[in-house]
Amino acid sequence: MSILYSENDMIVWLTGLSGAGKTTIAKGLQDLIIKMSVNVEMLDGDCVRTHLSQGLGYSKNDRDMNIRRVGYVANLLSRNGVIVIVALISPYRYIRDEMRSTTNNFLEVYVNASIEVCESRDVKGLYAAARSGKIKDFTGIDAPYEPPLTPDIICFTHQESVEESVLKIVRILEERNFLSVK
């Protein structure tokens, strides 16, 4: 199998609640694209918070700053021929729309899972800590999450396998001539 991609920039932005499956899908997509010898980089929320946005909290302003920083880095990479996969909760529509407006090719992927499903997957105990008041401003508990109104793709991770979700994204990238699987 060989793969080609256009010289246009591309950012695949995965949004959803904590535990919805954003990182898992992003890693699966990244692994597939790497196997196809295409430049790809993943910007994951946990890694970004550790290295790029250390010191930012979870207030609305800090969340917006974190997303703007990630968007800036994603744009730098994508302008240089890298397909960028972003996996961030990014809870507010307006900031995702702002990120969309900063690039020519922005693919919004809504990783859709109910709060109950996300809590059942929570190996770190974040939801329990938020419900007990140990974590404040936790998205989906005491801070809002605004699902996209018109995402390019919806991955229903409680119904689909990781592979099915990844292939949904790949199909759109093919349709838009960013990937060409042969």
N, C-alpha and C. Protein backbone atom coordinates (compact mmCIF):
# COMPACT_ATOMS: atom_id res chain seq x y z
N MET A 1 0.84 -1.16 0.00
CA MET A 1 0.00 0.00 0.00
C MET A 1 0.89 1.23 0.00
N SER A 2 0.62 2.16 -0.89
CA SER A 2 1.34 3.44 -0.88
C SER A 2 0.32 4.54 -0.67
N ILE A 3 0.81 5.66 -0.25
CA ILE A 3 -0.10 6.76 0.05
C ILE A 3 0.53 8.08 -0.38
N LEU A 4 -0.30 8.94 -0.87
CA LEU A 4 0.12 10.28 -1.26
C LEU A 4 -0.76 11.27 -0.50
N TYR A 5 -0.32 12.47 -0.36
CA TYR A 5 -1.17 13.49 0.21
C TYR A 5 -0.91 14.81 -0.50
N SER A 6 -1.90 15.70 -0.41
CA SER A 6 -1.74 16.99 -1.06
C SER A 6 -0.77 17.84 -0.26
N GLU A 7 -0.34 18.95 -0.84
CA GLU A 7 0.59 19.83 -0.14
C GLU A 7 -0.15 20.83 0.75
N ASN A 8 -1.47 20.73 0.80
CA ASN A 8 -2.24 21.61 1.67
C ASN A 8 -2.10 21.19 3.12
N ASP A 9 -2.33 22.15 3.99
CA ASP A 9 -2.30 21.83 5.41
C ASP A 9 -3.55 21.07 5.83
N MET A 10 -3.44 20.29 6.90
CA MET A 10 -4.59 19.54 7.42
C MET A 10 -4.46 19.39 8.92
N ILE A 11 -5.52 19.74 9.62
CA ILE A 11 -5.59 19.52 11.06
C ILE A 11 -6.85 18.70 11.33
N VAL A 12 -6.66 17.56 11.97
CA VAL A 12 -7.77 16.70 12.38
C VAL A 12 -7.94 16.95 13.88
N TRP A 13 -9.05 17.59 14.26
CA TRP A 13 -9.26 18.02 15.65
C TRP A 13 -10.33 17.14 16.29
N LEU A 14 -9.92 16.30 17.23
CA LEU A 14 -10.84 15.43 17.94
C LEU A 14 -11.27 16.10 19.24
N THR A 15 -12.58 16.21 19.43
CA THR A 15 -13.14 16.83 20.63
C THR A 15 -14.15 15.87 21.25
N GLY A 16 -14.24 15.92 22.56
CA GLY A 16 -15.19 15.08 23.29
C GLY A 16 -14.83 15.08 24.77
N LEU A 17 -15.69 14.48 25.55
CA LEU A 17 -15.47 14.41 26.99
C LEU A 17 -14.23 13.60 27.34
N SER A 18 -13.74 13.78 28.55
CA SER A 18 -12.65 12.96 29.06
C SER A 18 -13.12 11.51 29.09
N GLY A 19 -12.35 10.62 28.51
CA GLY A 19 -12.71 9.21 28.48
C GLY A 19 -13.53 8.80 27.27
N ALA A 20 -13.82 9.73 26.38
CA ALA A 20 -14.64 9.41 25.20
C ALA A 20 -13.89 8.54 24.19
N GLY A 21 -12.55 8.65 24.16
CA GLY A 21 -11.76 7.86 23.23
C GLY A 21 -10.92 8.69 22.27
N LYS A 22 -10.78 9.97 22.53
CA LYS A 22 -10.03 10.85 21.64
C LYS A 22 -8.59 10.39 21.43
N THR A 23 -7.88 10.15 22.52
CA THR A 23 -6.47 9.75 22.43
C THR A 23 -6.33 8.39 21.75
N THR A 24 -7.20 7.47 22.08
CA THR A 24 -7.14 6.13 21.48
C THR A 24 -7.33 6.20 19.97
N ILE A 25 -8.32 6.96 19.53
CA ILE A 25 -8.56 7.13 18.09
C ILE A 25 -7.39 7.87 17.45
N ALA A 26 -6.92 8.93 18.10
CA ALA A 26 -5.80 9.70 17.56
C ALA A 26 -4.56 8.83 17.37
N LYS A 27 -4.25 8.00 18.36
CA LYS A 27 -3.09 7.10 18.23
C LYS A 27 -3.28 6.10 17.11
N GLY A 28 -4.48 5.56 16.99
CA GLY A 28 -4.76 4.63 15.90
C GLY A 28 -4.61 5.28 14.54
N LEU A 29 -5.11 6.50 14.41
CA LEU A 29 -4.98 7.25 13.15
C LEU A 29 -3.52 7.57 12.87
N GLN A 30 -2.81 8.03 13.89
CA GLN A 30 -1.39 8.36 13.72
C GLN A 30 -0.60 7.12 13.29
N ASP A 31 -0.83 6.00 13.93
CA ASP A 31 -0.12 4.76 13.58
C ASP A 31 -0.37 4.37 12.13
N LEU A 32 -1.61 4.48 11.69
CA LEU A 32 -1.95 4.13 10.31
C LEU A 32 -1.27 5.07 9.32
N ILE A 33 -1.28 6.36 9.61
CA ILE A 33 -0.67 7.33 8.70
C ILE A 33 0.85 7.16 8.67
N ILE A 34 1.46 6.87 9.81
CA ILE A 34 2.91 6.61 9.85
C ILE A 34 3.26 5.43 8.97
N LYS A 35 2.48 4.37 9.03
CA LYS A 35 2.73 3.18 8.20
C LYS A 35 2.67 3.50 6.72
N MET A 36 2.00 4.58 6.39
CA MET A 36 1.85 5.00 5.00
C MET A 36 2.90 6.01 4.58
N SER A 37 3.88 6.23 5.44
CA SER A 37 5.02 7.12 5.14
C SER A 37 4.60 8.56 4.90
N VAL A 38 3.66 9.03 5.68
CA VAL A 38 3.22 10.43 5.60
C VAL A 38 3.61 11.10 6.91
N ASN A 39 4.05 12.34 6.83
CA ASN A 39 4.40 13.10 8.03
C ASN A 39 3.14 13.38 8.83
N VAL A 40 3.16 12.97 10.09
CA VAL A 40 2.01 13.17 10.97
C VAL A 40 2.51 13.44 12.38
N GLU A 41 1.79 14.27 13.09
CA GLU A 41 2.13 14.56 14.49
C GLU A 41 0.83 14.61 15.28
N MET A 42 0.87 14.06 16.50
CA MET A 42 -0.29 14.09 17.38
C MET A 42 -0.02 15.03 18.54
N LEU A 43 -0.99 15.90 18.81
CA LEU A 43 -0.94 16.80 19.96
C LEU A 43 -2.07 16.37 20.89
N ASP A 44 -1.70 15.70 21.98
CA ASP A 44 -2.67 15.15 22.91
C ASP A 44 -2.79 16.04 24.15
N GLY A 45 -3.98 16.17 24.67
CA GLY A 45 -4.24 17.05 25.80
C GLY A 45 -3.34 16.83 26.99
N ASP A 46 -3.15 15.59 27.42
CA ASP A 46 -2.30 15.32 28.58
C ASP A 46 -0.86 15.73 28.34
N CYS A 47 -0.33 15.40 27.16
CA CYS A 47 1.06 15.76 26.84
C CYS A 47 1.23 17.26 26.72
N VAL A 48 0.27 17.92 26.09
CA VAL A 48 0.33 19.37 25.92
C VAL A 48 0.31 20.06 27.27
N ARG A 49 -0.55 19.60 28.16
CA ARG A 49 -0.63 20.20 29.50
C ARG A 49 0.68 20.04 30.25
N THR A 50 1.39 18.96 30.02
CA THR A 50 2.66 18.70 30.69
C THR A 50 3.79 19.56 30.13
N HIS A 51 3.81 19.73 28.80
CA HIS A 51 4.98 20.35 28.17
C HIS A 51 4.74 21.76 27.62
N LEU A 52 3.60 22.02 27.05
CA LEU A 52 3.36 23.31 26.40
C LEU A 52 2.55 24.27 27.26
N SER A 53 1.65 23.74 28.03
CA SER A 53 0.74 24.59 28.79
C SER A 53 0.85 24.36 30.30
N GLN A 54 2.00 23.95 30.73
CA GLN A 54 2.22 23.74 32.16
C GLN A 54 1.94 25.04 32.90
N GLY A 55 1.26 24.94 34.00
CA GLY A 55 0.95 26.13 34.78
C GLY A 55 -0.43 26.69 34.51
N LEU A 56 -1.04 26.28 33.41
CA LEU A 56 -2.41 26.73 33.15
C LEU A 56 -3.37 25.86 33.95
N GLY A 57 -4.40 26.47 34.47
CA GLY A 57 -5.43 25.73 35.20
C GLY A 57 -6.57 25.35 34.27
N TYR A 58 -7.75 25.24 34.85
CA TYR A 58 -8.91 24.79 34.09
C TYR A 58 -10.03 25.83 34.07
N SER A 59 -9.67 27.08 34.35
CA SER A 59 -10.66 28.15 34.21
C SER A 59 -10.96 28.30 32.72
N LYS A 60 -12.04 29.00 32.43
CA LYS A 60 -12.40 29.21 31.02
C LYS A 60 -11.26 29.90 30.27
N ASN A 61 -10.66 30.92 30.86
CA ASN A 61 -9.57 31.63 30.20
C ASN A 61 -8.35 30.74 29.99
N ASP A 62 -8.01 29.94 30.99
CA ASP A 62 -6.86 29.04 30.85
C ASP A 62 -7.13 27.96 29.80
N ARG A 63 -8.35 27.44 29.76
CA ARG A 63 -8.69 26.45 28.73
C ARG A 63 -8.55 27.06 27.34
N ASP A 64 -9.06 28.29 27.18
CA ASP A 64 -8.96 28.96 25.89
C ASP A 64 -7.50 29.18 25.50
N MET A 65 -6.67 29.60 26.45
CA MET A 65 -5.25 29.81 26.17
C MET A 65 -4.59 28.49 25.76
N ASN A 66 -4.90 27.42 26.44
CA ASN A 66 -4.35 26.10 26.10
C ASN A 66 -4.72 25.73 24.66
N ILE A 67 -5.96 25.91 24.30
CA ILE A 67 -6.42 25.56 22.95
C ILE A 67 -5.77 26.46 21.91
N ARG A 68 -5.64 27.74 22.21
CA ARG A 68 -4.97 28.65 21.25
C ARG A 68 -3.51 28.26 21.06
N ARG A 69 -2.83 27.87 22.13
CA ARG A 69 -1.44 27.42 22.00
C ARG A 69 -1.36 26.17 21.12
N VAL A 70 -2.23 25.23 21.36
CA VAL A 70 -2.24 24.01 20.56
C VAL A 70 -2.56 24.35 19.11
N GLY A 71 -3.53 25.23 18.89
CA GLY A 71 -3.87 25.64 17.53
C GLY A 71 -2.71 26.29 16.81
N TYR A 72 -1.96 27.10 17.53
CA TYR A 72 -0.79 27.76 16.94
C TYR A 72 0.25 26.72 16.51
N VAL A 73 0.56 25.79 17.38
CA VAL A 73 1.53 24.74 17.06
C VAL A 73 1.01 23.87 15.91
N ALA A 74 -0.27 23.52 15.96
CA ALA A 74 -0.86 22.71 14.89
C ALA A 74 -0.74 23.41 13.54
N ASN A 75 -1.00 24.71 13.52
CA ASN A 75 -0.87 25.45 12.27
C ASN A 75 0.56 25.49 11.76
N LEU A 76 1.52 25.68 12.67
CA LEU A 76 2.92 25.67 12.25
C LEU A 76 3.29 24.34 11.60
N LEU A 77 2.89 23.27 12.23
CA LEU A 77 3.20 21.95 11.70
C LEU A 77 2.50 21.70 10.37
N SER A 78 1.21 22.00 10.32
CA SER A 78 0.45 21.70 9.10
C SER A 78 0.93 22.51 7.91
N ARG A 79 1.36 23.75 8.14
CA ARG A 79 1.88 24.57 7.04
C ARG A 79 3.17 23.99 6.47
N ASN A 80 3.78 23.08 7.20
CA ASN A 80 5.03 22.47 6.76
C ASN A 80 4.84 21.02 6.33
N GLY A 81 3.64 20.70 5.85
CA GLY A 81 3.40 19.39 5.25
C GLY A 81 3.14 18.27 6.23
N VAL A 82 2.79 18.59 7.47
CA VAL A 82 2.51 17.57 8.46
C VAL A 82 1.00 17.50 8.67
N ILE A 83 0.44 16.30 8.63
CA ILE A 83 -0.94 16.13 9.04
C ILE A 83 -0.92 16.14 10.56
N VAL A 84 -1.71 17.02 11.16
CA VAL A 84 -1.71 17.19 12.61
C VAL A 84 -3.01 16.62 13.17
N ILE A 85 -2.87 15.77 14.16
CA ILE A 85 -4.01 15.21 14.86
C ILE A 85 -4.02 15.80 16.26
N VAL A 86 -5.08 16.52 16.58
CA VAL A 86 -5.22 17.14 17.90
C VAL A 86 -6.30 16.38 18.66
N ALA A 87 -5.97 15.98 19.89
CA ALA A 87 -6.93 15.28 20.74
C ALA A 87 -7.07 16.07 22.05
N LEU A 88 -8.06 16.95 22.08
CA LEU A 88 -8.31 17.81 23.25
C LEU A 88 -9.79 17.83 23.55
N ILE A 89 -10.14 17.92 24.81
CA ILE A 89 -11.55 18.07 25.15
C ILE A 89 -12.13 19.27 24.42
N SER A 90 -11.42 20.39 24.44
CA SER A 90 -11.86 21.65 23.81
C SER A 90 -13.37 21.85 23.95
N PRO A 91 -13.81 22.19 25.16
CA PRO A 91 -15.24 22.13 25.49
C PRO A 91 -16.13 23.21 24.87
N TYR A 92 -15.55 24.30 24.39
CA TYR A 92 -16.39 25.40 23.93
C TYR A 92 -16.40 25.51 22.41
N ARG A 93 -17.60 25.62 21.85
CA ARG A 93 -17.75 25.70 20.39
C ARG A 93 -16.99 26.88 19.80
N TYR A 94 -17.12 28.05 20.44
CA TYR A 94 -16.55 29.26 19.84
C TYR A 94 -15.03 29.13 19.66
N ILE A 95 -14.35 28.47 20.59
CA ILE A 95 -12.89 28.36 20.47
C ILE A 95 -12.53 27.32 19.39
N ARG A 96 -13.34 26.27 19.26
CA ARG A 96 -13.11 25.33 18.16
C ARG A 96 -13.36 26.03 16.82
N ASP A 97 -14.40 26.86 16.77
CA ASP A 97 -14.67 27.63 15.55
C ASP A 97 -13.53 28.59 15.24
N GLU A 98 -12.97 29.17 16.29
CA GLU A 98 -11.81 30.06 16.10
C GLU A 98 -10.64 29.27 15.50
N MET A 99 -10.41 28.07 16.00
CA MET A 99 -9.32 27.24 15.47
C MET A 99 -9.60 26.87 14.01
N ARG A 100 -10.85 26.56 13.71
CA ARG A 100 -11.23 26.24 12.32
C ARG A 100 -10.92 27.42 11.40
N SER A 101 -11.16 28.63 11.89
CA SER A 101 -10.98 29.82 11.04
C SER A 101 -9.50 30.15 10.81
N THR A 102 -8.59 29.51 11.56
CA THR A 102 -7.16 29.82 11.41
C THR A 102 -6.45 28.92 10.41
N THR A 103 -7.15 27.99 9.82
CA THR A 103 -6.51 27.09 8.86
C THR A 103 -7.44 26.85 7.68
N ASN A 104 -6.85 26.46 6.57
CA ASN A 104 -7.66 26.16 5.39
C ASN A 104 -8.38 24.84 5.51
N ASN A 105 -7.77 23.88 6.17
CA ASN A 105 -8.31 22.52 6.19
C ASN A 105 -8.35 22.00 7.63
N PHE A 106 -9.53 22.09 8.21
CA PHE A 106 -9.76 21.72 9.59
C PHE A 106 -10.87 20.68 9.59
N LEU A 107 -10.57 19.52 10.10
CA LEU A 107 -11.54 18.44 10.16
C LEU A 107 -11.94 18.25 11.61
N GLU A 108 -13.19 18.59 11.95
CA GLU A 108 -13.65 18.45 13.33
C GLU A 108 -14.29 17.08 13.51
N VAL A 109 -13.74 16.32 14.47
CA VAL A 109 -14.23 14.98 14.76
C VAL A 109 -14.81 15.01 16.18
N TYR A 110 -16.09 14.75 16.27
CA TYR A 110 -16.74 14.68 17.58
C TYR A 110 -16.69 13.24 18.05
N VAL A 111 -15.92 13.02 19.10
CA VAL A 111 -15.81 11.68 19.70
C VAL A 111 -16.92 11.62 20.75
N ASN A 112 -18.01 10.99 20.36
CA ASN A 112 -19.25 11.03 21.10
C ASN A 112 -19.38 9.80 22.00
N ALA A 113 -19.42 10.04 23.29
CA ALA A 113 -19.72 9.00 24.28
C ALA A 113 -20.44 9.68 25.43
N SER A 114 -21.42 9.02 25.97
CA SER A 114 -22.18 9.61 27.08
C SER A 114 -21.30 9.75 28.31
N ILE A 115 -21.73 10.58 29.22
CA ILE A 115 -20.99 10.77 30.47
C ILE A 115 -20.89 9.45 31.23
N GLU A 116 -21.93 8.64 31.16
CA GLU A 116 -21.92 7.34 31.84
C GLU A 116 -20.86 6.42 31.26
N VAL A 117 -20.75 6.39 29.95
CA VAL A 117 -19.71 5.57 29.30
C VAL A 117 -18.33 6.10 29.66
N CYS A 118 -18.16 7.41 29.62
CA CYS A 118 -16.86 8.00 29.95
C CYS A 118 -16.47 7.69 31.40
N GLU A 119 -17.41 7.80 32.30
CA GLU A 119 -17.12 7.48 33.71
C GLU A 119 -16.73 6.01 33.87
N SER A 120 -17.38 5.13 33.13
CA SER A 120 -17.06 3.70 33.24
C SER A 120 -15.65 3.38 32.73
N ARG A 121 -15.10 4.25 31.88
CA ARG A 121 -13.76 4.05 31.32
C ARG A 121 -12.68 4.78 32.12
N ASP A 122 -13.06 5.49 33.15
CA ASP A 122 -12.16 6.40 33.85
C ASP A 122 -11.22 5.67 34.80
N VAL A 123 -10.08 5.24 34.28
CA VAL A 123 -9.11 4.50 35.10
C VAL A 123 -8.36 5.41 36.07
N LYS A 124 -8.33 6.71 35.78
CA LYS A 124 -7.62 7.66 36.65
C LYS A 124 -8.48 8.14 37.83
N GLY A 125 -9.77 7.86 37.80
CA GLY A 125 -10.65 8.29 38.88
C GLY A 125 -10.99 9.77 38.86
N LEU A 126 -10.86 10.40 37.69
CA LEU A 126 -11.10 11.84 37.59
C LEU A 126 -12.56 12.21 37.81
N TYR A 127 -13.46 11.42 37.23
CA TYR A 127 -14.89 11.72 37.40
C TYR A 127 -15.30 11.58 38.87
N ALA A 128 -14.85 10.54 39.53
CA ALA A 128 -15.17 10.36 40.95
C ALA A 128 -14.62 11.51 41.78
N ALA A 129 -13.41 11.93 41.47
CA ALA A 129 -12.81 13.06 42.19
C ALA A 129 -13.60 14.35 41.94
N ALA A 130 -14.05 14.52 40.72
CA ALA A 130 -14.85 15.72 40.39
C ALA A 130 -16.20 15.67 41.11
N ARG A 131 -16.82 14.53 41.12
CA ARG A 131 -18.13 14.40 41.78
C ARG A 131 -18.02 14.61 43.29
N SER A 132 -16.88 14.24 43.86
CA SER A 132 -16.69 14.42 45.30
C SER A 132 -16.19 15.82 45.66
N GLY A 133 -15.93 16.65 44.64
CA GLY A 133 -15.49 18.02 44.87
C GLY A 133 -13.98 18.18 44.97
N LYS A 134 -13.22 17.10 44.76
CA LYS A 134 -11.76 17.19 44.84
C LYS A 134 -11.17 17.86 43.60
N ILE A 135 -11.86 17.75 42.48
CA ILE A 135 -11.45 18.44 41.25
C ILE A 135 -12.57 19.42 40.90
N LYS A 136 -12.19 20.67 40.69
CA LYS A 136 -13.16 21.71 40.32
C LYS A 136 -13.09 21.98 38.82
N ASP A 137 -14.18 22.46 38.27
CA ASP A 137 -14.26 22.84 36.85
C ASP A 137 -13.97 21.67 35.93
N PHE A 138 -14.46 20.49 36.27
CA PHE A 138 -14.23 19.30 35.44
C PHE A 138 -15.32 19.24 34.36
N THR A 139 -14.89 19.18 33.12
CA THR A 139 -15.81 19.20 31.99
C THR A 139 -16.79 18.03 32.08
N GLY A 140 -18.06 18.37 31.96
CA GLY A 140 -19.12 17.37 32.00
C GLY A 140 -19.73 17.20 33.38
N ILE A 141 -19.02 17.65 34.42
CA ILE A 141 -19.54 17.55 35.79
C ILE A 141 -19.94 18.94 36.27
N ASP A 142 -18.97 19.81 36.53
CA ASP A 142 -19.32 21.16 36.97
C ASP A 142 -18.80 22.24 36.01
N ALA A 143 -18.36 21.82 34.85
CA ALA A 143 -18.00 22.75 33.76
C ALA A 143 -18.66 22.22 32.49
N PRO A 144 -19.10 23.10 31.62
CA PRO A 144 -19.87 22.65 30.44
C PRO A 144 -19.01 22.00 29.36
N TYR A 145 -19.66 21.17 28.56
CA TYR A 145 -19.11 20.70 27.29
C TYR A 145 -20.17 20.99 26.24
N GLU A 146 -19.77 21.71 25.20
CA GLU A 146 -20.68 22.05 24.12
C GLU A 146 -20.35 21.19 22.91
N PRO A 147 -21.16 20.17 22.66
CA PRO A 147 -20.89 19.31 21.49
C PRO A 147 -20.95 20.13 20.20
N PRO A 148 -20.16 19.74 19.21
CA PRO A 148 -20.23 20.43 17.92
C PRO A 148 -21.63 20.33 17.32
N LEU A 149 -22.06 21.39 16.67
CA LEU A 149 -23.36 21.38 16.01
C LEU A 149 -23.28 20.72 14.64
N THR A 150 -22.16 20.94 13.94
CA THR A 150 -22.01 20.37 12.59
C THR A 150 -20.58 19.82 12.42
N PRO A 151 -20.23 18.78 13.17
CA PRO A 151 -18.89 18.23 13.00
C PRO A 151 -18.76 17.55 11.64
N ASP A 152 -17.54 17.43 11.18
CA ASP A 152 -17.30 16.73 9.91
C ASP A 152 -17.53 15.23 10.07
N ILE A 153 -17.23 14.72 11.25
CA ILE A 153 -17.36 13.29 11.54
C ILE A 153 -17.82 13.14 12.98
N ILE A 154 -18.67 12.13 13.23
CA ILE A 154 -19.00 11.74 14.59
C ILE A 154 -18.58 10.30 14.77
N CYS A 155 -17.77 10.04 15.78
CA CYS A 155 -17.37 8.69 16.15
C CYS A 155 -18.14 8.31 17.41
N PHE A 156 -18.97 7.29 17.31
CA PHE A 156 -19.75 6.81 18.45
C PHE A 156 -18.97 5.68 19.10
N THR A 157 -18.12 6.03 20.06
CA THR A 157 -17.16 5.05 20.58
C THR A 157 -17.79 3.98 21.46
N HIS A 158 -19.03 4.14 21.85
CA HIS A 158 -19.71 3.08 22.59
C HIS A 158 -20.31 2.04 21.65
N GLN A 159 -20.34 2.33 20.34
CA GLN A 159 -20.91 1.44 19.35
C GLN A 159 -19.88 0.95 18.33
N GLU A 160 -18.82 1.73 18.11
CA GLU A 160 -17.84 1.43 17.07
C GLU A 160 -16.53 0.96 17.69
N SER A 161 -15.81 0.15 16.95
CA SER A 161 -14.46 -0.20 17.37
C SER A 161 -13.54 0.98 17.05
N VAL A 162 -12.37 0.96 17.63
CA VAL A 162 -11.37 1.99 17.33
C VAL A 162 -11.09 1.99 15.83
N GLU A 163 -10.94 0.80 15.27
CA GLU A 163 -10.64 0.69 13.84
C GLU A 163 -11.74 1.32 12.98
N GLU A 164 -12.99 1.10 13.36
CA GLU A 164 -14.10 1.69 12.60
C GLU A 164 -14.06 3.22 12.67
N SER A 165 -13.78 3.75 13.84
CA SER A 165 -13.69 5.20 13.99
C SER A 165 -12.53 5.75 13.18
N VAL A 166 -11.37 5.10 13.24
CA VAL A 166 -10.20 5.54 12.47
C VAL A 166 -10.51 5.52 10.98
N LEU A 167 -11.15 4.47 10.52
CA LEU A 167 -11.45 4.36 9.08
C LEU A 167 -12.45 5.43 8.63
N LYS A 168 -13.36 5.84 9.49
CA LYS A 168 -14.26 6.96 9.16
C LYS A 168 -13.45 8.21 8.82
N ILE A 169 -12.45 8.47 9.65
CA ILE A 169 -11.61 9.66 9.46
C ILE A 169 -10.79 9.50 8.19
N VAL A 170 -10.21 8.35 7.98
CA VAL A 170 -9.39 8.10 6.79
C VAL A 170 -10.23 8.30 5.53
N ARG A 171 -11.46 7.80 5.52
CA ARG A 171 -12.33 7.95 4.34
C ARG A 171 -12.54 9.43 4.00
N ILE A 172 -12.78 10.26 5.02
CA ILE A 172 -12.96 11.69 4.76
C ILE A 172 -11.67 12.31 4.24
N LEU A 173 -10.53 11.93 4.82
CA LEU A 173 -9.24 12.44 4.33
C LEU A 173 -9.01 12.03 2.88
N GLU A 174 -9.44 10.83 2.52
CA GLU A 174 -9.34 10.40 1.12
C GLU A 174 -10.28 11.21 0.24
N GLU A 175 -11.53 11.37 0.67
CA GLU A 175 -12.51 12.13 -0.11
C GLU A 175 -12.04 13.55 -0.37
N ARG A 176 -11.32 14.12 0.60
CA ARG A 176 -10.85 15.50 0.47
C ARG A 176 -9.44 15.58 -0.11
N ASN A 177 -8.95 14.45 -0.59
CA ASN A 177 -7.65 14.36 -1.28
C ASN A 177 -6.45 14.69 -0.40
N PHE A 178 -6.54 14.36 0.89
CA PHE A 178 -5.38 14.52 1.76
C PHE A 178 -4.63 13.21 1.91
N LEU A 179 -5.32 12.12 1.71
CA LEU A 179 -4.71 10.81 1.69
C LEU A 179 -5.24 10.08 0.47
N SER A 180 -4.37 9.32 -0.14
CA SER A 180 -4.79 8.51 -1.27
C SER A 180 -4.19 7.12 -1.08
N VAL A 181 -5.03 6.21 -0.64
CA VAL A 181 -4.57 4.85 -0.39
C VAL A 181 -4.65 4.06 -1.69
N LYS A 182 -3.56 3.39 -2.01
CA LYS A 182 -3.51 2.59 -3.25
C LYS A 182 -3.15 1.17 -2.91
